[in-house]
C-alpha atoms as a PDB file:
ATOM      1  CA  UNK A   1     -11.941 -15.701   9.028  1.00  0.00           C
ATOM      2  CA  UNK A   2     -15.200 -13.941   8.266  1.00  0.00           C
ATOM      3  CA  UNK A   3     -15.706 -11.428   5.504  1.00  0.00           C
ATOM      4  CA  UNK A   4     -15.397  -7.797   6.488  1.00  0.00           C
ATOM      5  CA  UNK A   5     -15.483  -4.289   5.060  1.00  0.00           C
ATOM      6  CA  UNK A   6     -12.564  -1.914   4.654  1.00  0.00           C
ATOM      7  CA  UNK A   7     -13.976   0.471   7.266  1.00  0.00           C
ATOM      8  CA  UNK A   8     -11.460   0.956  10.052  1.00  0.00           C
ATOM      9  CA  UNK A   9      -8.385   0.445   7.847  1.00  0.00           C
ATOM     10  CA  UNK A  10      -5.505   2.660   8.994  1.00  0.00           C
ATOM     11  CA  UNK A  11      -2.817   3.971   6.630  1.00  0.00           C
ATOM     12  CA  UNK A  12       0.398   5.425   8.074  1.00  0.00           C
ATOM     13  CA  UNK A  13       3.652   6.745   6.627  1.00  0.00           C
ATOM     14  CA  UNK A  14       7.029   6.094   8.178  1.00  0.00           C
ATOM     15  CA  UNK A  15      10.449   7.639   7.694  1.00  0.00           C
ATOM     16  CA  UNK A  16      13.012   7.334   4.919  1.00  0.00           C
ATOM     17  CA  UNK A  17      14.394   3.831   5.310  1.00  0.00           C
ATOM     18  CA  UNK A  18      16.250   0.964   3.707  1.00  0.00           C
ATOM     19  CA  UNK A  19      14.468  -1.559   5.958  1.00  0.00           C
ATOM     20  CA  UNK A  20      13.471  -4.742   4.155  1.00  0.00           C
ATOM     21  CA  UNK A  21      12.270  -7.097   6.907  1.00  0.00           C
ATOM     22  CA  UNK A  22       9.128  -7.289   8.992  1.00  0.00           C
ATOM     23  CA  UNK A  23      11.094  -6.734  12.196  1.00  0.00           C
ATOM     24  CA  UNK A  24      12.871  -3.641  10.862  1.00  0.00           C
ATOM     25  CA  UNK A  25       9.717  -2.106   9.366  1.00  0.00           C
ATOM     26  CA  UNK A  26       7.675  -2.849  12.500  1.00  0.00           C
ATOM     27  CA  UNK A  27      10.243  -1.011  14.657  1.00  0.00           C
ATOM     28  CA  UNK A  28       9.802   2.296  12.793  1.00  0.00           C
ATOM     29  CA  UNK A  29       7.638   5.185  13.961  1.00  0.00           C
ATOM     30  CA  UNK A  30       4.632   5.919  11.742  1.00  0.00           C
ATOM     31  CA  UNK A  31       2.283   8.900  11.338  1.00  0.00           C
ATOM     32  CA  UNK A  32      -1.377   8.190  10.531  1.00  0.00           C
ATOM     33  CA  UNK A  33      -2.629   9.553   7.209  1.00  0.00           C
ATOM     34  CA  UNK A  34      -6.052  10.919   8.110  1.00  0.00           C
ATOM     35  CA  UNK A  35      -9.030  11.067   5.739  1.00  0.00           C
ATOM     36  CA  UNK A  36      -7.814   8.154   3.617  1.00  0.00           C
ATOM     37  CA  UNK A  37     -10.785   7.112   1.502  1.00  0.00           C
ATOM     38  CA  UNK A  38      -9.477   4.197  -0.520  1.00  0.00           C
ATOM     39  CA  UNK A  39      -6.505   2.078  -1.476  1.00  0.00           C
ATOM     40  CA  UNK A  40      -6.021   0.560  -4.886  1.00  0.00           C
ATOM     41  CA  UNK A  41      -5.215  -3.097  -5.471  1.00  0.00           C
ATOM     42  CA  UNK A  42      -2.015  -4.037  -3.669  1.00  0.00           C
ATOM     43  CA  UNK A  43       0.219  -7.064  -3.649  1.00  0.00           C
ATOM     44  CA  UNK A  44       2.785  -8.890  -5.707  1.00  0.00           C
ATOM     45  CA  UNK A  45       2.067 -10.147  -9.198  1.00  0.00           C
ATOM     46  CA  UNK A  46       4.330 -12.326 -11.309  1.00  0.00           C
ATOM     47  CA  UNK A  47       5.049 -11.296 -14.886  1.00  0.00           C
ATOM     48  CA  UNK A  48       3.484 -13.448 -17.592  1.00  0.00           C
ATOM     49  CA  UNK A  49       6.327 -14.819 -19.726  1.00  0.00           C
ATOM     50  CA  UNK A  50       5.100 -16.418 -22.933  1.00  0.00           C
ATOM     51  CA  UNK A  51       6.727 -18.876 -25.296  1.00  0.00           C
ATOM     52  CA  UNK A  52       5.386 -20.438 -28.481  1.00  0.00           C
ATOM     53  CA  UNK A  53       7.217 -23.612 -29.468  1.00  0.00           C
ATOM     54  CA  UNK A  54       7.756 -24.139 -33.196  1.00  0.00           C
ATOM     55  CA  UNK A  55       6.272 -27.622 -32.948  1.00  0.00           C
ATOM     56  CA  UNK A  56       2.956 -26.463 -31.526  1.00  0.00           C
ATOM     57  CA  UNK A  57       0.399 -23.723 -31.886  1.00  0.00           C
ATOM     58  CA  UNK A  58      -0.332 -23.235 -28.176  1.00  0.00           C
ATOM     59  CA  UNK A  59       1.315 -20.349 -26.376  1.00  0.00           C
ATOM     60  CA  UNK A  60       2.941 -21.497 -23.151  1.00  0.00           C
ATOM     61  CA  UNK A  61       2.724 -19.258 -20.056  1.00  0.00           C
ATOM     62  CA  UNK A  62       5.521 -19.202 -17.522  1.00  0.00           C
ATOM     63  CA  UNK A  63       5.789 -17.339 -14.237  1.00  0.00           C
ATOM     64  CA  UNK A  64       8.440 -14.628 -14.474  1.00  0.00           C
ATOM     65  CA  UNK A  65       9.800 -11.965 -12.147  1.00  0.00           C
ATOM     66  CA  UNK A  66       7.526 -10.659  -9.389  1.00  0.00           C
ATOM     67  CA  UNK A  67       6.416  -7.028  -9.402  1.00  0.00           C
ATOM     68  CA  UNK A  68       5.226  -5.748  -6.011  1.00  0.00           C
ATOM     69  CA  UNK A  69       3.272  -3.032  -7.810  1.00  0.00           C
ATOM     70  CA  UNK A  70       2.328   0.292  -6.290  1.00  0.00           C
ATOM     71  CA  UNK A  71       0.066   1.326  -3.448  1.00  0.00           C
ATOM     72  CA  UNK A  72      -2.309   4.183  -4.218  1.00  0.00           C
ATOM     73  CA  UNK A  73      -3.782   6.083  -1.286  1.00  0.00           C
ATOM     74  CA  UNK A  74      -6.659   8.454  -2.054  1.00  0.00           C
ATOM     75  CA  UNK A  75      -7.466  11.010   0.654  1.00  0.00           C
ATOM     76  CA  UNK A  76      -9.847  13.864   1.200  1.00  0.00           C
ATOM     77  CA  UNK A  77      -7.281  16.659   0.932  1.00  0.00           C
ATOM     78  CA  UNK A  78      -6.333  18.104   4.320  1.00  0.00           C
ATOM     79  CA  UNK A  79      -3.443  20.564   3.986  1.00  0.00           C
ATOM     80  CA  UNK A  80      -2.881  20.495   7.768  1.00  0.00           C
ATOM     81  CA  UNK A  81      -2.863  16.719   8.350  1.00  0.00           C
ATOM     82  CA  UNK A  82       0.615  15.542   9.463  1.00  0.00           C
ATOM     83  CA  UNK A  83       0.310  12.269   7.536  1.00  0.00           C
ATOM     84  CA  UNK A  84      -0.684  13.995   4.314  1.00  0.00           C
ATOM     85  CA  UNK A  85       2.049  16.605   4.822  1.00  0.00           C
ATOM     86  CA  UNK A  86       4.592  13.772   5.161  1.00  0.00           C
ATOM     87  CA  UNK A  87       3.313  12.087   1.976  1.00  0.00           C
ATOM     88  CA  UNK A  88       3.400  15.401   0.102  1.00  0.00           C
ATOM     89  CA  UNK A  89       6.996  16.062   1.222  1.00  0.00           C
ATOM     90  CA  UNK A  90       7.987  12.484   0.342  1.00  0.00           C
ATOM     91  CA  UNK A  91       6.550  12.880  -3.165  1.00  0.00           C
ATOM     92  CA  UNK A  92       9.100  15.618  -3.822  1.00  0.00           C
ATOM     93  CA  UNK A  93      12.098  13.332  -3.161  1.00  0.00           C
ATOM     94  CA  UNK A  94      13.614  10.206  -4.715  1.00  0.00           C
ATOM     95  CA  UNK A  95      14.011   8.568  -1.310  1.00  0.00           C
ATOM     96  CA  UNK A  96      12.252   5.412  -0.125  1.00  0.00           C
ATOM     97  CA  UNK A  97       9.712   5.609   2.681  1.00  0.00           C
ATOM     98  CA  UNK A  98       7.911   3.013   4.774  1.00  0.00           C
ATOM     99  CA  UNK A  99       4.140   2.683   4.597  1.00  0.00           C
ATOM    100  CA  UNK A 100       2.022   0.673   7.028  1.00  0.00           C
ATOM    101  CA  UNK A 101      -1.519  -0.475   6.306  1.00  0.00           C
ATOM    102  CA  UNK A 102      -3.563  -2.061   9.067  1.00  0.00           C
ATOM    103  CA  UNK A 103      -6.703  -3.804   7.869  1.00  0.00           C
ATOM    104  CA  UNK A 104      -9.652  -4.032  10.248  1.00  0.00           C
ATOM    105  CA  UNK A 105     -10.056  -7.778   9.750  1.00  0.00           C
ATOM    106  CA  UNK A 106      -9.690  -9.317  13.207  1.00  0.00           C
ATOM    107  CA  UNK A 107     -12.385 -11.972  13.579  1.00  0.00           C
ATOM    108  CA  UNK A 108     -13.070 -11.250  17.246  1.00  0.00           C
ATOM    109  CA  UNK A 109     -11.852  -9.246  20.226  1.00  0.00           C
ATOM    110  CA  UNK A 110      -8.285 -10.179  21.148  1.00  0.00           C
ATOM    111  CA  UNK A 111      -7.344 -11.141  17.584  1.00  0.00           C
ATOM    112  CA  UNK A 112      -4.770  -9.159  15.622  1.00  0.00           C
ATOM    113  CA  UNK A 113      -5.462  -7.371  12.328  1.00  0.00           C
ATOM    114  CA  UNK A 114      -3.536  -7.999   9.121  1.00  0.00           C
ATOM    115  CA  UNK A 115      -0.637  -5.565   8.753  1.00  0.00           C
ATOM    116  CA  UNK A 116       0.939  -4.744   5.393  1.00  0.00           C
ATOM    117  CA  UNK A 117       4.328  -3.026   5.229  1.00  0.00           C
ATOM    118  CA  UNK A 118       5.636  -1.516   2.017  1.00  0.00           C
ATOM    119  CA  UNK A 119       8.763   0.452   1.259  1.00  0.00           C
ATOM    120  CA  UNK A 120       9.449   2.568  -1.770  1.00  0.00           C
ATOM    121  CA  UNK A 121       9.449   6.032  -3.281  1.00  0.00           C
ATOM    122  CA  UNK A 122       6.301   8.156  -3.185  1.00  0.00           C
ATOM    123  CA  UNK A 123       5.898   8.517  -6.928  1.00  0.00           C
ATOM    124  CA  UNK A 124       3.134  11.122  -7.023  1.00  0.00           C
ATOM    125  CA  UNK A 125       0.669  13.221  -5.098  1.00  0.00           C
ATOM    126  CA  UNK A 126      -2.001  14.145  -7.647  1.00  0.00           C
ATOM    127  CA  UNK A 127      -4.748  16.630  -6.829  1.00  0.00           C
ATOM    128  CA  UNK A 128      -8.348  16.010  -7.941  1.00  0.00           C
ATOM    129  CA  UNK A 129     -10.450  19.134  -7.461  1.00  0.00           C
ATOM    130  CA  UNK A 130     -13.557  17.718  -9.169  1.00  0.00           C
ATOM    131  CA  UNK A 131     -16.780  19.710  -9.334  1.00  0.00           C
ATOM    132  CA  UNK A 132     -18.647  22.011  -6.974  1.00  0.00           C
ATOM    133  CA  UNK A 133     -20.226  19.133  -5.018  1.00  0.00           C
ATOM    134  CA  UNK A 134     -17.122  16.939  -4.903  1.00  0.00           C
ATOM    135  CA  UNK A 135     -14.671  16.512  -2.065  1.00  0.00           C
ATOM    136  CA  UNK A 136     -11.233  17.767  -3.057  1.00  0.00           C
ATOM    137  CA  UNK A 137      -8.961  14.735  -3.049  1.00  0.00           C
ATOM    138  CA  UNK A 138      -5.318  13.851  -3.482  1.00  0.00           C
ATOM    139  CA  UNK A 139      -3.974  10.471  -4.566  1.00  0.00           C
ATOM    140  CA  UNK A 140      -0.492   9.337  -3.588  1.00  0.00           C
ATOM    141  CA  UNK A 141       1.243   6.412  -5.312  1.00  0.00           C
ATOM    142  CA  UNK A 142       4.026   4.511  -3.533  1.00  0.00           C
ATOM    143  CA  UNK A 143       6.213   2.155  -5.577  1.00  0.00           C
ATOM    144  CA  UNK A 144       6.458  -1.090  -3.623  1.00  0.00           C
ATOM    145  CA  UNK A 145      10.098  -2.170  -3.650  1.00  0.00           C
ATOM    146  CA  UNK A 146       9.372  -4.171  -0.486  1.00  0.00           C
ATOM    147  CA  UNK A 147       5.978  -5.753   0.260  1.00  0.00           C
ATOM    148  CA  UNK A 148       5.406  -7.732   3.460  1.00  0.00           C
ATOM    149  CA  UNK A 149       2.004  -8.976   4.596  1.00  0.00           C
ATOM    150  CA  UNK A 150       1.637 -10.129   8.199  1.00  0.00           C
ATOM    151  CA  UNK A 151      -1.638 -12.106   8.313  1.00  0.00           C
ATOM    152  CA  UNK A 152      -4.188 -11.598  11.052  1.00  0.00           C
ATOM    153  CA  UNK A 153      -3.976 -13.982  13.969  1.00  0.00           C
ATOM    154  CA  UNK A 154      -6.654 -15.443  16.179  1.00  0.00           C
ATOM    155  CA  UNK A 155      -6.612 -16.245  19.845  1.00  0.00           C
ATOM    156  CA  UNK A 156      -8.226 -19.399  21.231  1.00  0.00           C
END
């Protein structure tokens, strides 16, 4: 697969759900979050568990529990955008929502893009007013209790 930019990536929010499989998350209805500017780093990371044996001076590193992290979505604030309204409402609850991220990474026409599904609570919706020449932005953070990446596929 060739390198690509993030331009064309689509972020969408789904409903409150307990879905935990690709099939179940794919079947949900999503609303596009318009004016998304950037996403932070996403994906699972194992905890670093260390151990120093008495008989040696070298710290040993072991792979511990996996943390799916959080997905941060930064948008140019649009108080009328249905996707942003859904994220804002979700940030006021303790419920878990589905999020769908479609990367624009298909190698050629007919190929399918990578799709990432996450499920978790929307932890925050923080406003960044900035200065006079800045775009007013809002950043939403979704705790990833479920993280499923469906890799892009190519056609012959």
